[in-house]
Amino acid sequence: MVVLTACGQPPSGSAAERPTLGHEHGLSTAVPCPTGSTTPLGALPPALPVWCSTLAEGVDTAVKGSNTWVDGFGSPEQYARLAPSYKVFEAPRADRSSVFRTQHFAHNGHWMVDVAGYGQPNGVYEGSAEDFFVGPNNGGGLMRPAADFRFEHGALVIEFDVSAGMSVYGDRAWPEVVVTTASAPSPHETNGWYAAGLFGGDATVGCSFPSDRLSECRIYDHEKITANLSEHFKAGAATTFGGTPTGSLATAWSRCGPSDPDDRCRDRFRLVLERDAITIFVNGVLYMEHRGLPAASQLPASLLQSPVYVYFASWAYLVEPTVVRFHWSRIAINP
């Protein structure tokens, strides 16, 4: 846990003791670190939050084509910024949530995000109806390729590797993928519970991948959520499948404990968006599908007809002061 001051910033003090280099999760350059800093949730000792390191310049490993993007983040760089071919949005809700700091970085062949929050008491969502709608405690960081994309033959395909099934996340932290016509988050939020709610005024689809492995997707028009899709919410779909780790799906999506390295639960997800369907594959296994959505629940026409942007979000609801680390790797759009 990271001790934070009442004003929400890490306390000042002498530099923390540096761990020795060489461990995969070790630090690169000794710089002053907030007193009381310890290993982020989702990382292994002796790792400390990334802002305890000096970041090098990023190396661009993306392969870009006409309406395609593939990046394996295969560079051996240590503690580096993401390459300029990515747009990064650090803590866009910092002024209205307890998440006050985020940092994206590349390290040893994958990319990560550290998310720091002040914490807020349990039961925050028991407040006013407005608080419930806005989700005042949720926040995180987002990144996207510095390019737009289009649906091809009625579909947009997004692949990504992420360690979603980390038990230390509980129900407090999750990766999320967002597709929207907005090139940046908007001051007008439709729902701050999710990263997808940052794009009010634009058609948006967001899917979250929590550690309990209960997939969730939401479709937004310009003002509100028009469809919730999960094991329990069908939005009128003609056919539905899966969404929960039971039966044949119990082993499709990895799960790892606090002492496991992140790559033990780094799975490959494939998200396919169509006008009247959303499909999720995990490691090549069909995991959730909602097909034949009625007109009121379908993807907005502007998503299918306009350039769209694909965001990879690291989102959290932090009820105590802490830092959470997210682990991502390969991403591919229309591969």
Protein backbone atom coordinates (compact mmCIF):
# COMPACT_ATOMS: atom_id res chain seq x y z
CA MET A 1 0.00 0.00 0.00
CA VAL A 2 1.18 3.54 -0.72
CA VAL A 3 0.73 6.04 2.09
CA LEU A 4 -0.78 9.27 0.78
CA THR A 5 -1.20 12.65 2.39
CA ALA A 6 -4.59 14.16 3.09
CA CYS A 7 -4.24 16.40 0.06
CA GLY A 8 -3.95 13.35 -2.14
CA GLN A 9 -0.32 13.56 -3.13
CA PRO A 10 2.42 11.13 -2.10
CA PRO A 11 4.13 12.46 1.05
CA SER A 12 7.52 14.06 0.73
CA GLY A 13 10.57 12.47 2.31
CA SER A 14 13.86 10.78 1.60
CA ALA A 15 14.28 8.39 -1.27
CA ALA A 16 13.28 4.80 -0.63
CA GLU A 17 15.92 2.10 -0.71
CA ARG A 18 16.51 0.93 -4.27
CA PRO A 19 16.25 -2.77 -5.14
CA THR A 20 19.07 -4.36 -7.13
CA LEU A 21 18.66 -4.42 -10.90
CA GLY A 22 18.15 -7.64 -12.80
CA HIS A 23 14.71 -8.80 -11.62
CA GLU A 24 12.08 -8.56 -14.35
CA HIS A 25 10.02 -6.25 -12.18
CA GLY A 26 12.96 -4.31 -10.74
CA LEU A 27 13.65 -0.61 -11.12
CA SER A 28 15.94 1.02 -13.64
CA THR A 29 17.22 4.34 -12.31
CA ALA A 30 17.31 5.44 -8.69
CA VAL A 31 15.16 8.54 -8.20
CA PRO A 32 13.37 9.87 -5.11
CA CYS A 33 10.31 7.77 -4.33
CA PRO A 34 7.39 8.69 -2.04
CA THR A 35 7.97 7.56 1.53
CA GLY A 36 5.93 4.45 2.28
CA SER A 37 5.83 3.25 -1.33
CA THR A 38 5.52 -0.49 -1.70
CA THR A 39 4.87 -2.92 -4.51
CA PRO A 40 1.73 -2.11 -6.54
CA LEU A 41 -1.12 -4.59 -6.57
CA GLY A 42 -0.58 -6.74 -9.65
CA ALA A 43 3.22 -6.58 -9.46
CA LEU A 44 5.79 -8.67 -7.58
CA PRO A 45 8.43 -7.46 -5.12
CA PRO A 46 10.77 -5.66 -5.31
CA ALA A 47 8.82 -3.54 -7.82
CA LEU A 48 7.82 -0.02 -6.80
CA PRO A 49 5.48 2.38 -8.61
CA VAL A 50 6.80 3.47 -11.98
CA TRP A 51 7.22 7.09 -10.88
CA CYS A 52 10.09 5.79 -8.74
CA SER A 53 12.01 5.28 -12.01
CA THR A 54 13.31 7.58 -14.72
CA LEU A 55 11.62 6.72 -18.01
CA ALA A 56 13.63 6.37 -21.21
CA GLU A 57 12.36 7.35 -24.64
CA GLY A 58 9.96 4.83 -26.18
CA VAL A 59 10.74 2.61 -29.17
CA ASP A 60 8.10 2.36 -31.89
CA THR A 61 7.36 -1.29 -32.67
CA ALA A 62 3.93 -0.85 -34.29
CA VAL A 63 3.29 -2.20 -37.79
CA LYS A 64 0.80 0.14 -39.45
CA GLY A 65 -1.19 -0.54 -42.58
CA SER A 66 -4.24 0.77 -44.33
CA ASN A 67 -6.89 0.47 -41.62
CA THR A 68 -4.75 -1.99 -39.63
CA TRP A 69 -2.44 -1.81 -36.63
CA VAL A 70 -0.38 -4.55 -34.99
CA ASP A 71 2.09 -4.04 -32.15
CA GLY A 72 3.74 -6.80 -30.14
CA PHE A 73 5.71 -4.36 -27.95
CA GLY A 74 8.69 -6.64 -28.45
CA SER A 75 11.42 -4.14 -27.66
CA PRO A 76 13.70 -5.11 -24.73
CA GLU A 77 13.60 -1.50 -23.46
CA GLN A 78 13.48 -1.00 -19.71
CA TYR A 79 11.09 1.50 -18.13
CA ALA A 80 10.35 3.58 -21.21
CA ARG A 81 7.56 5.87 -22.29
CA LEU A 82 5.17 4.59 -24.90
CA ALA A 83 6.23 5.53 -28.42
CA PRO A 84 4.87 8.76 -29.96
CA SER A 85 2.65 6.63 -32.21
CA TYR A 86 0.30 6.39 -29.20
CA LYS A 87 -1.91 9.01 -27.63
CA VAL A 88 -1.89 8.66 -23.85
CA PHE A 89 -4.50 10.15 -21.50
CA GLU A 90 -3.27 10.06 -17.94
CA ALA A 91 -5.92 10.25 -15.19
CA PRO A 92 -8.52 12.25 -17.19
CA ARG A 93 -10.94 12.12 -14.21
CA ALA A 94 -8.34 13.24 -11.65
CA ASP A 95 -10.38 16.32 -10.75
CA ARG A 96 -13.50 14.28 -9.96
CA SER A 97 -12.37 10.88 -8.71
CA SER A 98 -9.98 9.45 -6.14
CA VAL A 99 -7.60 8.25 -8.89
CA PHE A 100 -5.12 11.11 -8.94
CA ARG A 101 -2.21 9.70 -10.93
CA THR A 102 -1.56 7.21 -13.72
CA GLN A 103 1.50 6.38 -15.79
CA HIS A 104 1.81 4.26 -18.93
CA PHE A 105 5.18 2.68 -19.66
CA ALA A 106 6.85 -0.10 -21.64
CA HIS A 107 9.15 -2.62 -20.00
CA ASN A 108 10.66 -5.97 -21.00
CA GLY A 109 8.48 -6.69 -24.00
CA HIS A 110 5.08 -5.51 -22.76
CA TRP A 111 3.41 -2.33 -21.58
CA MET A 112 1.92 -1.46 -18.21
CA VAL A 113 -0.07 1.19 -16.38
CA ASP A 114 0.24 2.18 -12.74
CA VAL A 115 -2.92 3.70 -11.26
CA ALA A 116 -2.80 5.51 -7.89
CA GLY A 117 -5.79 6.55 -5.80
CA TYR A 118 -6.47 8.29 -2.50
CA GLY A 119 -9.14 5.79 -1.57
CA GLN A 120 -12.71 6.47 -0.56
CA PRO A 121 -14.93 4.70 1.99
CA ASN A 122 -16.97 1.71 0.98
CA GLY A 123 -20.57 2.50 0.16
CA VAL A 124 -19.80 5.55 -1.99
CA TYR A 125 -22.44 4.40 -4.46
CA GLU A 126 -25.09 4.60 -1.77
CA GLY A 127 -25.09 8.37 -2.11
CA SER A 128 -27.25 10.55 -4.32
CA ALA A 129 -28.68 9.41 -7.63
CA GLU A 130 -26.24 11.79 -9.33
CA ASP A 131 -23.28 10.17 -7.57
CA PHE A 132 -24.49 6.76 -8.65
CA PHE A 133 -24.72 7.94 -12.25
CA VAL A 134 -21.38 9.72 -12.41
CA GLY A 135 -19.36 7.20 -10.37
CA PRO A 136 -17.22 9.74 -8.47
CA ASN A 137 -14.56 7.32 -7.29
CA ASN A 138 -13.75 5.56 -10.57
CA GLY A 139 -10.83 6.58 -12.71
CA GLY A 140 -7.73 5.44 -14.52
CA GLY A 141 -5.73 6.02 -17.68
CA LEU A 142 -6.25 5.38 -21.37
CA MET A 143 -4.13 5.05 -24.49
CA ARG A 144 -4.92 4.62 -28.16
CA PRO A 145 -3.05 4.35 -31.44
CA ALA A 146 -2.52 7.74 -33.05
CA ALA A 147 -4.73 6.70 -35.96
CA ASP A 148 -8.39 6.16 -36.73
CA PHE A 149 -9.98 3.03 -38.12
CA ARG A 150 -13.11 1.95 -39.97
CA PHE A 151 -15.36 -1.06 -39.89
CA GLU A 152 -14.59 -3.44 -42.77
CA HIS A 153 -17.32 -5.59 -44.27
CA GLY A 154 -19.53 -4.55 -41.38
CA ALA A 155 -17.11 -5.53 -38.59
CA LEU A 156 -14.30 -4.11 -36.48
CA VAL A 157 -11.89 -6.65 -34.97
CA ILE A 158 -9.71 -5.83 -31.95
CA GLU A 159 -7.20 -8.22 -30.40
CA PHE A 160 -5.26 -7.57 -27.22
CA ASP A 161 -3.23 -9.45 -24.63
CA VAL A 162 -3.87 -8.45 -21.01
CA SER A 163 -3.58 -9.98 -17.55
CA ALA A 164 -7.22 -9.54 -16.61
CA GLY A 165 -7.71 -12.49 -14.28
CA MET A 166 -5.48 -11.29 -11.43
CA SER A 167 -7.17 -12.09 -8.13
CA VAL A 168 -5.62 -9.05 -6.41
CA TYR A 169 -7.80 -6.80 -8.58
CA GLY A 170 -10.98 -8.15 -7.00
CA ASP A 171 -13.87 -6.00 -8.21
CA ARG A 172 -11.79 -2.83 -7.87
CA ALA A 173 -9.70 -2.82 -11.06
CA TRP A 174 -10.25 -3.99 -14.60
CA PRO A 175 -9.01 -3.49 -18.18
CA GLU A 176 -11.48 -2.01 -20.63
CA VAL A 177 -11.55 -1.54 -24.40
CA VAL A 178 -13.46 1.40 -25.86
CA VAL A 179 -14.41 2.15 -29.46
CA THR A 180 -15.77 5.62 -30.15
CA THR A 181 -15.98 8.37 -32.74
CA ALA A 182 -14.26 10.73 -30.26
CA SER A 183 -10.56 11.47 -30.67
CA ALA A 184 -10.23 12.40 -26.97
CA PRO A 185 -12.25 12.18 -23.75
CA SER A 186 -15.04 14.72 -23.49
CA PRO A 187 -15.87 17.12 -20.62
CA HIS A 188 -19.38 15.70 -20.88
CA GLU A 189 -19.56 12.27 -19.27
CA THR A 190 -22.37 9.81 -19.77
CA ASN A 191 -21.24 7.49 -16.96
CA GLY A 192 -18.01 7.74 -14.99
CA TRP A 193 -18.22 4.19 -13.68
CA TYR A 194 -16.53 3.05 -16.88
CA ALA A 195 -13.88 4.48 -19.17
CA ALA A 196 -16.43 4.32 -21.99
CA GLY A 197 -18.48 6.93 -20.14
CA LEU A 198 -15.83 9.60 -20.82
CA PHE A 199 -17.01 10.14 -24.38
CA GLY A 200 -20.36 11.87 -23.97
CA GLY A 201 -21.59 13.37 -27.22
CA ASP A 202 -20.12 10.55 -29.32
CA ALA A 203 -21.30 7.06 -30.18
CA THR A 204 -19.31 4.58 -28.10
CA VAL A 205 -18.97 0.89 -27.27
CA GLY A 206 -17.08 -0.27 -24.19
CA CYS A 207 -16.28 -3.78 -22.95
CA SER A 208 -14.72 -4.49 -19.56
CA PHE A 209 -12.87 -7.61 -18.48
CA PRO A 210 -12.98 -7.96 -14.67
CA SER A 211 -11.03 -10.51 -12.68
CA ASP A 212 -14.16 -12.54 -11.90
CA ARG A 213 -14.22 -13.24 -15.67
CA LEU A 214 -17.79 -11.99 -16.08
CA SER A 215 -17.54 -10.09 -19.36
CA GLU A 216 -19.57 -6.92 -19.76
CA CYS A 217 -20.21 -4.64 -22.74
CA ARG A 218 -22.17 -1.41 -23.03
CA ILE A 219 -23.39 0.48 -26.09
CA TYR A 220 -23.82 4.26 -25.86
CA ASP A 221 -25.54 6.71 -28.14
CA HIS A 222 -24.61 10.38 -27.85
CA GLU A 223 -26.23 10.73 -24.42
CA LYS A 224 -26.77 7.44 -22.61
CA ILE A 225 -26.30 3.69 -22.43
CA THR A 226 -28.67 2.02 -24.88
CA ALA A 227 -27.69 -1.61 -24.22
CA ASN A 228 -26.03 -3.59 -21.44
CA LEU A 229 -24.66 -6.96 -22.50
CA SER A 230 -23.51 -9.69 -20.11
CA GLU A 231 -24.50 -13.10 -18.83
CA HIS A 232 -27.53 -11.51 -17.17
CA PHE A 233 -28.37 -8.66 -19.55
CA LYS A 234 -29.39 -9.62 -23.08
CA ALA A 235 -30.68 -6.30 -24.50
CA GLY A 236 -33.20 -8.23 -26.59
CA ALA A 237 -30.58 -10.20 -28.54
CA ALA A 238 -32.00 -13.05 -30.62
CA THR A 239 -29.21 -15.40 -29.52
CA THR A 240 -26.78 -15.22 -26.60
CA PHE A 241 -23.93 -17.34 -25.35
CA GLY A 242 -21.56 -17.46 -22.40
CA GLY A 243 -20.10 -14.56 -20.50
CA THR A 244 -19.26 -16.53 -17.36
CA PRO A 245 -16.49 -19.04 -16.46
CA THR A 246 -18.67 -22.11 -16.11
CA GLY A 247 -18.82 -25.44 -17.92
CA SER A 248 -16.62 -25.58 -20.98
CA LEU A 249 -15.59 -21.93 -20.42
CA ALA A 250 -14.15 -22.49 -16.96
CA THR A 251 -10.57 -22.78 -18.23
CA ALA A 252 -10.74 -20.49 -21.26
CA TRP A 253 -9.76 -17.39 -19.29
CA SER A 254 -6.79 -17.65 -16.92
CA ARG A 255 -6.82 -16.86 -13.24
CA CYS A 256 -3.73 -16.14 -11.11
CA GLY A 257 -2.98 -15.46 -7.48
CA PRO A 258 -1.01 -12.72 -5.70
CA SER A 259 2.31 -14.57 -5.94
CA ASP A 260 1.99 -15.51 -9.63
CA PRO A 261 3.87 -13.50 -12.27
CA ASP A 262 1.59 -11.46 -14.49
CA ASP A 263 2.32 -13.48 -17.61
CA ARG A 264 0.64 -16.49 -15.98
CA CYS A 265 -2.71 -14.87 -16.63
CA ARG A 266 -1.96 -12.82 -19.74
CA ASP A 267 -4.63 -14.01 -22.15
CA ARG A 268 -5.40 -13.10 -25.75
CA PHE A 269 -8.79 -11.51 -26.22
CA ARG A 270 -10.53 -10.94 -29.53
CA LEU A 271 -13.44 -8.50 -29.67
CA VAL A 272 -15.61 -8.41 -32.80
CA LEU A 273 -18.09 -5.56 -33.20
CA GLU A 274 -20.91 -5.69 -35.76
CA ARG A 275 -24.06 -3.67 -36.25
CA ASP A 276 -26.26 -6.12 -34.35
CA ALA A 277 -23.68 -8.29 -32.54
CA ILE A 278 -20.78 -8.23 -30.10
CA THR A 279 -18.58 -11.29 -29.78
CA ILE A 280 -15.69 -12.00 -27.40
CA PHE A 281 -13.12 -14.78 -27.82
CA VAL A 282 -10.54 -15.67 -25.15
CA ASN A 283 -7.49 -17.63 -26.29
CA GLY A 284 -9.41 -18.66 -29.41
CA VAL A 285 -12.47 -19.88 -27.46
CA LEU A 286 -15.85 -18.26 -28.03
CA TYR A 287 -16.53 -16.73 -24.60
CA MET A 288 -19.51 -14.41 -24.99
CA GLU A 289 -21.82 -13.49 -27.84
CA HIS A 290 -24.93 -11.37 -28.23
CA ARG A 291 -26.27 -11.56 -31.78
CA GLY A 292 -29.41 -10.27 -33.43
CA LEU A 293 -29.73 -7.15 -31.29
CA PRO A 294 -32.95 -5.22 -31.94
CA ALA A 295 -32.75 -1.78 -33.54
CA ALA A 296 -32.83 0.08 -30.20
CA SER A 297 -29.82 -1.90 -28.91
CA GLN A 298 -27.67 -1.98 -32.04
CA LEU A 299 -24.41 -0.13 -32.54
CA PRO A 300 -25.13 3.47 -33.58
CA ALA A 301 -24.89 4.01 -37.33
CA SER A 302 -22.17 6.63 -36.87
CA LEU A 303 -19.81 3.98 -35.48
CA LEU A 304 -20.19 1.86 -38.60
CA GLN A 305 -20.04 4.78 -41.03
CA SER A 306 -17.37 7.05 -39.49
CA PRO A 307 -13.72 6.84 -38.49
CA VAL A 308 -13.41 5.43 -34.98
CA TYR A 309 -10.71 5.39 -32.31
CA VAL A 310 -9.76 2.36 -30.21
CA TYR A 311 -8.79 2.99 -26.57
CA PHE A 312 -7.22 0.58 -24.11
CA ALA A 313 -8.20 1.67 -20.60
CA SER A 314 -6.91 0.66 -17.17
CA TRP A 315 -9.79 1.51 -14.85
CA ALA A 316 -10.29 1.24 -11.10
CA TYR A 317 -12.57 1.93 -8.16
CA LEU A 318 -10.12 2.36 -5.29
CA VAL A 319 -11.64 2.41 -1.82
CA GLU A 320 -8.30 2.66 -0.02
CA PRO A 321 -5.03 4.45 -0.83
CA THR A 322 -3.10 2.13 -3.12
CA VAL A 323 -1.42 1.70 -6.49
CA VAL A 324 -2.61 -0.93 -8.98
CA ARG A 325 -0.51 -2.16 -11.91
CA PHE A 326 -2.08 -3.33 -15.19
CA HIS A 327 -0.19 -5.56 -17.62
CA TRP A 328 -0.89 -5.41 -21.36
CA SER A 329 0.96 -6.76 -24.37
CA ARG A 330 0.17 -7.27 -28.06
CA ILE A 331 -2.63 -5.23 -29.60
CA ALA A 332 -4.04 -5.58 -33.10
CA ILE A 333 -6.85 -3.76 -34.90
CA ASN A 334 -8.31 -5.30 -38.04
CA PRO A 335 -5.40 -7.79 -38.07
